[in-house]
């Protein structure tokens, strides 16, 4: 029969006490989500006008220029030298990479610039229509 020392049992109990509230919080909290039909644009040099349709716009690549009409739930860019000009962004703008530009005309989204956190230059700005 294996026995645990008091120290080992304490660590197991403490670990369980930390994990349980986190698990319960993640299960109980409703998550706000965009509707189905997020738009994914992947490529190099893509120039496109899209209707955001209250969903999330995800742009991945280099030197893409996207005009997002209507309302976007969120806009996320990965890569470099991408440009998104959006009519309205509700929830957030998240930018990874370098030399990214997001201009939005309406909304007050949270701005999360992961590139800037690493010393890279990106531009995320509100501008009148």
N, C-alpha and C. Protein backbone atom coordinates (compact mmCIF):
# COMPACT_ATOMS: atom_id res chain seq x y z
N UNK A 1 0.85 -1.17 0.00
CA UNK A 1 0.00 0.00 0.00
C UNK A 1 0.89 1.23 0.00
N UNK A 2 0.66 2.11 -0.96
CA UNK A 2 1.46 3.32 -1.08
C UNK A 2 0.89 4.39 -0.16
N UNK A 3 1.76 5.13 0.46
CA UNK A 3 1.31 6.23 1.30
C UNK A 3 1.95 7.51 0.80
N UNK A 4 1.21 8.57 0.90
CA UNK A 4 1.71 9.89 0.53
C UNK A 4 2.16 10.60 1.78
N UNK A 5 3.22 11.33 1.64
CA UNK A 5 3.64 12.14 2.77
C UNK A 5 2.65 13.29 2.95
N UNK A 6 2.67 13.91 4.10
CA UNK A 6 1.79 15.05 4.36
C UNK A 6 2.08 16.16 3.35
N UNK A 7 3.36 16.36 3.01
CA UNK A 7 3.77 17.40 2.08
C UNK A 7 3.17 17.14 0.68
N UNK A 8 3.23 15.88 0.21
CA UNK A 8 2.69 15.53 -1.10
C UNK A 8 1.18 15.72 -1.14
N UNK A 9 0.50 15.31 -0.07
CA UNK A 9 -0.94 15.48 -0.01
C UNK A 9 -1.30 16.96 -0.02
N UNK A 10 -0.54 17.78 0.68
CA UNK A 10 -0.81 19.22 0.72
C UNK A 10 -0.67 19.84 -0.66
N UNK A 11 0.34 19.43 -1.40
CA UNK A 11 0.54 19.96 -2.75
C UNK A 11 -0.61 19.54 -3.67
N UNK A 12 -1.06 18.31 -3.55
CA UNK A 12 -2.16 17.83 -4.39
C UNK A 12 -3.44 18.60 -4.07
N UNK A 13 -3.71 18.80 -2.81
CA UNK A 13 -4.91 19.53 -2.40
C UNK A 13 -4.81 20.98 -2.86
N UNK A 14 -3.65 21.58 -2.71
CA UNK A 14 -3.48 22.98 -3.12
C UNK A 14 -3.64 23.12 -4.62
N UNK A 15 -3.10 22.20 -5.40
CA UNK A 15 -3.24 22.26 -6.85
C UNK A 15 -4.70 22.13 -7.25
N UNK A 16 -5.41 21.21 -6.62
CA UNK A 16 -6.83 21.05 -6.90
C UNK A 16 -7.62 22.28 -6.53
N UNK A 17 -7.24 22.93 -5.44
CA UNK A 17 -7.95 24.13 -5.00
C UNK A 17 -7.75 25.28 -5.99
N UNK A 18 -6.60 25.32 -6.67
CA UNK A 18 -6.35 26.37 -7.65
C UNK A 18 -7.06 26.09 -8.97
N UNK A 19 -7.06 24.85 -9.40
CA UNK A 19 -7.62 24.50 -10.70
C UNK A 19 -9.15 24.55 -10.69
N UNK A 20 -9.77 24.09 -9.63
CA UNK A 20 -11.23 24.00 -9.58
C UNK A 20 -11.92 25.34 -9.82
N UNK A 21 -11.56 26.44 -9.13
CA UNK A 21 -12.23 27.71 -9.41
C UNK A 21 -12.02 28.19 -10.84
N UNK A 22 -10.83 27.98 -11.39
CA UNK A 22 -10.56 28.41 -12.76
C UNK A 22 -11.43 27.63 -13.74
N UNK A 23 -11.56 26.33 -13.51
CA UNK A 23 -12.38 25.50 -14.38
C UNK A 23 -13.84 25.91 -14.27
N UNK A 24 -14.32 26.10 -13.07
CA UNK A 24 -15.72 26.51 -12.88
C UNK A 24 -15.99 27.87 -13.48
N UNK A 25 -15.05 28.80 -13.33
CA UNK A 25 -15.23 30.14 -13.90
C UNK A 25 -15.31 30.08 -15.42
N UNK A 26 -14.47 29.24 -16.03
CA UNK A 26 -14.49 29.17 -17.49
C UNK A 26 -15.76 28.48 -17.99
N UNK A 27 -16.33 27.57 -17.21
CA UNK A 27 -17.56 26.90 -17.62
C UNK A 27 -18.78 27.78 -17.40
N UNK A 28 -18.77 28.57 -16.34
CA UNK A 28 -19.93 29.37 -15.98
C UNK A 28 -20.04 30.66 -16.77
N UNK A 29 -18.93 31.24 -17.17
CA UNK A 29 -18.95 32.54 -17.85
C UNK A 29 -19.39 32.38 -19.30
N UNK A 30 -20.46 33.05 -19.69
CA UNK A 30 -20.84 32.98 -21.10
C UNK A 30 -19.82 33.76 -21.92
N UNK A 31 -19.51 33.24 -23.08
CA UNK A 31 -18.53 33.94 -23.90
C UNK A 31 -19.25 34.70 -25.00
N UNK A 32 -18.84 35.93 -25.19
CA UNK A 32 -19.39 36.72 -26.29
C UNK A 32 -18.71 36.27 -27.56
N UNK A 33 -19.48 36.01 -28.57
CA UNK A 33 -18.91 35.50 -29.80
C UNK A 33 -19.51 36.21 -31.00
N UNK A 34 -18.75 36.24 -32.05
CA UNK A 34 -19.29 36.72 -33.31
C UNK A 34 -20.19 35.63 -33.87
N UNK A 35 -21.00 35.98 -34.83
CA UNK A 35 -21.85 34.97 -35.44
C UNK A 35 -21.03 34.08 -36.36
N UNK A 36 -21.60 32.97 -36.73
CA UNK A 36 -20.92 32.06 -37.66
C UNK A 36 -20.68 32.81 -38.96
N UNK A 37 -19.65 32.41 -39.66
CA UNK A 37 -19.38 33.05 -40.94
C UNK A 37 -18.25 34.06 -40.88
N UNK A 38 -17.32 33.88 -39.94
CA UNK A 38 -16.16 34.76 -39.91
C UNK A 38 -15.48 34.73 -41.28
N UNK A 39 -14.84 35.83 -41.65
CA UNK A 39 -14.17 35.92 -42.94
C UNK A 39 -12.68 35.77 -42.74
N UNK A 40 -12.09 34.80 -43.45
CA UNK A 40 -10.65 34.55 -43.39
C UNK A 40 -10.05 34.93 -44.75
N UNK A 41 -9.07 35.82 -44.71
CA UNK A 41 -8.37 36.20 -45.93
C UNK A 41 -6.91 35.88 -45.71
N UNK A 42 -6.38 34.99 -46.52
CA UNK A 42 -4.99 34.55 -46.41
C UNK A 42 -4.34 34.72 -47.77
N UNK A 43 -3.18 35.37 -47.77
CA UNK A 43 -2.48 35.50 -49.04
C UNK A 43 -1.47 36.61 -49.03
N UNK A 44 -1.05 36.96 -50.24
CA UNK A 44 -0.07 38.02 -50.42
C UNK A 44 -0.58 38.92 -51.52
N UNK A 45 -0.73 40.21 -51.19
CA UNK A 45 -1.17 41.18 -52.19
C UNK A 45 -2.64 41.11 -52.55
N UNK A 46 -3.45 40.52 -51.69
CA UNK A 46 -4.89 40.45 -51.95
C UNK A 46 -5.49 41.83 -51.73
N UNK A 47 -6.30 42.29 -52.67
CA UNK A 47 -7.04 43.55 -52.54
C UNK A 47 -8.51 43.17 -52.68
N UNK A 48 -9.29 43.43 -51.61
CA UNK A 48 -10.66 42.95 -51.60
C UNK A 48 -11.55 43.85 -50.75
N UNK A 49 -12.81 43.97 -51.16
CA UNK A 49 -13.83 44.64 -50.36
C UNK A 49 -14.80 43.56 -49.91
N UNK A 50 -15.06 43.50 -48.60
CA UNK A 50 -15.93 42.46 -48.05
C UNK A 50 -17.00 43.10 -47.17
N UNK A 51 -18.07 42.36 -46.92
CA UNK A 51 -19.09 42.75 -45.95
C UNK A 51 -18.79 41.97 -44.68
N UNK A 52 -18.50 42.66 -43.60
CA UNK A 52 -18.16 41.99 -42.34
C UNK A 52 -19.33 41.18 -41.79
N UNK A 53 -20.56 41.63 -42.00
CA UNK A 53 -21.73 40.86 -41.62
C UNK A 53 -21.75 40.52 -40.12
N UNK A 54 -21.30 41.45 -39.29
CA UNK A 54 -21.26 41.28 -37.82
C UNK A 54 -20.37 40.15 -37.36
N UNK A 55 -19.47 39.70 -38.18
CA UNK A 55 -18.58 38.60 -37.83
C UNK A 55 -17.15 39.12 -37.68
N UNK A 56 -16.23 38.21 -37.48
CA UNK A 56 -14.83 38.57 -37.31
C UNK A 56 -14.10 38.48 -38.64
N UNK A 57 -13.26 39.46 -38.90
CA UNK A 57 -12.40 39.46 -40.08
C UNK A 57 -11.01 39.07 -39.63
N UNK A 58 -10.47 38.01 -40.23
CA UNK A 58 -9.11 37.55 -39.92
C UNK A 58 -8.28 37.65 -41.19
N UNK A 59 -7.20 38.44 -41.14
CA UNK A 59 -6.33 38.63 -42.29
C UNK A 59 -4.96 38.10 -41.92
N UNK A 60 -4.45 37.18 -42.76
CA UNK A 60 -3.16 36.55 -42.49
C UNK A 60 -2.35 36.58 -43.77
N UNK A 61 -1.17 37.19 -43.72
CA UNK A 61 -0.32 37.24 -44.89
C UNK A 61 0.47 38.52 -44.96
N UNK A 62 0.77 38.93 -46.19
CA UNK A 62 1.61 40.09 -46.41
C UNK A 62 1.01 40.97 -47.50
N UNK A 63 1.00 42.27 -47.23
CA UNK A 63 0.61 43.29 -48.21
C UNK A 63 -0.81 43.11 -48.74
N UNK A 64 -1.72 42.68 -47.88
CA UNK A 64 -3.13 42.59 -48.24
C UNK A 64 -3.82 43.90 -47.90
N UNK A 65 -4.77 44.33 -48.73
CA UNK A 65 -5.54 45.54 -48.48
C UNK A 65 -7.01 45.16 -48.50
N UNK A 66 -7.68 45.32 -47.36
CA UNK A 66 -9.07 44.89 -47.23
C UNK A 66 -9.92 46.07 -46.79
N UNK A 67 -11.00 46.33 -47.54
CA UNK A 67 -12.00 47.32 -47.17
C UNK A 67 -13.16 46.54 -46.58
N UNK A 68 -13.40 46.72 -45.29
CA UNK A 68 -14.44 45.98 -44.58
C UNK A 68 -15.66 46.87 -44.42
N UNK A 69 -16.71 46.57 -45.13
CA UNK A 69 -17.95 47.35 -45.09
C UNK A 69 -18.86 46.80 -44.00
N UNK A 70 -19.78 47.62 -43.53
CA UNK A 70 -20.71 47.18 -42.50
C UNK A 70 -20.04 47.12 -41.14
N UNK A 71 -20.53 46.22 -40.30
CA UNK A 71 -20.03 46.09 -38.93
C UNK A 71 -19.25 44.81 -38.76
N UNK A 72 -18.04 44.93 -38.23
CA UNK A 72 -17.21 43.77 -37.88
C UNK A 72 -17.31 43.56 -36.37
N UNK A 73 -17.46 42.33 -35.94
CA UNK A 73 -17.38 42.02 -34.51
C UNK A 73 -15.97 42.30 -34.04
N UNK A 74 -14.97 41.81 -34.81
CA UNK A 74 -13.56 42.00 -34.46
C UNK A 74 -12.73 41.93 -35.74
N UNK A 75 -11.52 42.46 -35.65
CA UNK A 75 -10.56 42.37 -36.75
C UNK A 75 -9.25 41.88 -36.17
N UNK A 76 -8.68 40.85 -36.80
CA UNK A 76 -7.40 40.29 -36.36
C UNK A 76 -6.47 40.21 -37.56
N UNK A 77 -5.26 40.75 -37.41
CA UNK A 77 -4.26 40.70 -38.47
C UNK A 77 -3.04 39.93 -37.99
N UNK A 78 -2.49 39.12 -38.88
CA UNK A 78 -1.23 38.42 -38.64
C UNK A 78 -0.39 38.56 -39.90
N UNK A 79 0.91 38.75 -39.72
CA UNK A 79 1.80 38.88 -40.87
C UNK A 79 2.46 40.24 -40.88
N UNK A 80 2.56 40.83 -42.08
CA UNK A 80 3.18 42.15 -42.18
C UNK A 80 2.58 42.94 -43.34
N UNK A 81 2.58 44.24 -43.16
CA UNK A 81 2.18 45.20 -44.18
C UNK A 81 0.75 45.01 -44.69
N UNK A 82 -0.14 44.51 -43.84
CA UNK A 82 -1.55 44.41 -44.19
C UNK A 82 -2.26 45.70 -43.84
N UNK A 83 -3.30 46.04 -44.59
CA UNK A 83 -4.11 47.23 -44.33
C UNK A 83 -5.57 46.82 -44.30
N UNK A 84 -6.26 47.21 -43.23
CA UNK A 84 -7.71 47.02 -43.15
C UNK A 84 -8.33 48.37 -42.86
N UNK A 85 -9.32 48.74 -43.67
CA UNK A 85 -10.10 49.95 -43.43
C UNK A 85 -11.53 49.46 -43.19
N UNK A 86 -12.01 49.68 -41.97
CA UNK A 86 -13.30 49.14 -41.56
C UNK A 86 -14.30 50.25 -41.25
N UNK A 87 -15.55 50.04 -41.65
CA UNK A 87 -16.61 50.99 -41.32
C UNK A 87 -16.85 51.03 -39.82
N UNK A 88 -16.97 49.85 -39.18
CA UNK A 88 -17.32 49.79 -37.76
C UNK A 88 -16.75 48.50 -37.16
N UNK A 89 -16.12 48.62 -35.99
CA UNK A 89 -15.60 47.45 -35.26
C UNK A 89 -16.16 47.52 -33.85
N UNK A 90 -16.86 46.46 -33.45
CA UNK A 90 -17.55 46.45 -32.15
C UNK A 90 -16.64 46.04 -30.99
N UNK A 91 -16.00 44.88 -31.09
CA UNK A 91 -15.36 44.27 -29.92
C UNK A 91 -13.87 44.56 -29.78
N UNK A 92 -13.06 44.15 -30.76
CA UNK A 92 -11.62 44.33 -30.60
C UNK A 92 -10.89 44.33 -31.94
N UNK A 93 -9.70 44.92 -31.88
CA UNK A 93 -8.72 44.85 -32.96
C UNK A 93 -7.50 44.19 -32.35
N UNK A 94 -7.07 43.06 -32.92
CA UNK A 94 -5.89 42.37 -32.43
C UNK A 94 -4.89 42.28 -33.59
N UNK A 95 -3.69 42.76 -33.34
CA UNK A 95 -2.68 42.81 -34.40
C UNK A 95 -1.41 42.10 -33.93
N UNK A 96 -1.00 41.13 -34.74
CA UNK A 96 0.28 40.46 -34.57
C UNK A 96 1.13 40.86 -35.76
N UNK A 97 2.43 40.93 -35.56
CA UNK A 97 3.30 41.19 -36.70
C UNK A 97 3.80 42.62 -36.76
N UNK A 98 4.21 43.01 -37.97
CA UNK A 98 4.94 44.25 -38.19
C UNK A 98 4.32 45.04 -39.34
N UNK A 99 4.30 46.36 -39.20
CA UNK A 99 3.86 47.27 -40.25
C UNK A 99 2.41 47.01 -40.65
N UNK A 100 1.56 46.74 -39.68
CA UNK A 100 0.14 46.50 -39.92
C UNK A 100 -0.63 47.81 -39.72
N UNK A 101 -1.70 48.00 -40.48
CA UNK A 101 -2.52 49.20 -40.36
C UNK A 101 -3.99 48.79 -40.26
N UNK A 102 -4.66 49.30 -39.23
CA UNK A 102 -6.12 49.16 -39.12
C UNK A 102 -6.68 50.54 -38.88
N UNK A 103 -7.58 50.95 -39.74
CA UNK A 103 -8.29 52.22 -39.59
C UNK A 103 -9.77 51.88 -39.51
N UNK A 104 -10.43 52.40 -38.48
CA UNK A 104 -11.87 52.17 -38.36
C UNK A 104 -12.58 53.50 -38.18
N UNK A 105 -13.78 53.59 -38.75
CA UNK A 105 -14.53 54.84 -38.75
C UNK A 105 -15.52 54.95 -37.59
N UNK A 106 -16.00 53.85 -37.09
CA UNK A 106 -16.96 53.85 -35.98
C UNK A 106 -16.62 52.70 -35.03
N UNK A 107 -17.13 52.85 -33.81
CA UNK A 107 -16.90 51.82 -32.80
C UNK A 107 -15.84 52.26 -31.80
N UNK A 108 -15.75 51.51 -30.74
CA UNK A 108 -14.75 51.75 -29.70
C UNK A 108 -14.15 50.42 -29.28
N UNK A 109 -13.48 49.73 -30.21
CA UNK A 109 -12.97 48.40 -29.90
C UNK A 109 -11.77 48.45 -28.96
N UNK A 110 -11.58 47.37 -28.22
CA UNK A 110 -10.34 47.19 -27.45
C UNK A 110 -9.22 47.01 -28.47
N UNK A 111 -8.08 47.61 -28.23
CA UNK A 111 -6.95 47.51 -29.14
C UNK A 111 -5.87 46.66 -28.48
N UNK A 112 -5.53 45.55 -29.14
CA UNK A 112 -4.51 44.64 -28.63
C UNK A 112 -3.43 44.55 -29.69
N UNK A 113 -2.31 45.21 -29.45
CA UNK A 113 -1.22 45.28 -30.42
C UNK A 113 -0.06 44.43 -29.93
N UNK A 114 -0.08 43.15 -30.28
CA UNK A 114 0.97 42.21 -29.86
C UNK A 114 2.31 42.54 -30.51
N UNK A 115 2.30 43.09 -31.69
CA UNK A 115 3.54 43.46 -32.35
C UNK A 115 4.27 44.56 -31.61
N UNK A 116 3.52 45.59 -31.20
CA UNK A 116 4.12 46.71 -30.48
C UNK A 116 4.74 46.23 -29.16
N UNK A 117 4.08 45.25 -28.54
CA UNK A 117 4.63 44.70 -27.29
C UNK A 117 6.01 44.12 -27.50
N UNK A 118 6.31 43.71 -28.75
CA UNK A 118 7.62 43.14 -29.07
C UNK A 118 8.53 44.14 -29.79
N UNK A 119 8.13 45.41 -29.78
CA UNK A 119 8.97 46.45 -30.36
C UNK A 119 8.73 46.70 -31.85
N UNK A 120 7.68 46.14 -32.41
CA UNK A 120 7.38 46.35 -33.82
C UNK A 120 6.41 47.53 -33.98
N UNK A 121 6.39 48.13 -35.14
CA UNK A 121 5.55 49.30 -35.38
C UNK A 121 4.28 48.92 -36.13
N UNK A 122 3.14 49.23 -35.56
CA UNK A 122 1.84 49.05 -36.20
C UNK A 122 1.02 50.30 -36.00
N UNK A 123 0.02 50.52 -36.85
CA UNK A 123 -0.85 51.67 -36.75
C UNK A 123 -2.28 51.20 -36.61
N UNK A 124 -2.92 51.55 -35.50
CA UNK A 124 -4.32 51.22 -35.27
C UNK A 124 -4.99 52.52 -34.83
N UNK A 125 -5.87 53.06 -35.68
CA UNK A 125 -6.43 54.37 -35.43
C UNK A 125 -7.89 54.48 -35.83
N UNK A 126 -8.60 55.35 -35.11
CA UNK A 126 -9.92 55.78 -35.50
C UNK A 126 -9.74 56.95 -36.46
N UNK A 127 -10.56 57.02 -37.48
CA UNK A 127 -10.53 58.15 -38.39
C UNK A 127 -11.96 58.43 -38.84
N UNK A 128 -12.34 59.70 -38.95
CA UNK A 128 -13.70 60.01 -39.39
C UNK A 128 -13.94 59.47 -40.80
N UNK A 129 -15.21 59.16 -41.07
CA UNK A 129 -15.56 58.61 -42.39
C UNK A 129 -15.50 59.67 -43.46
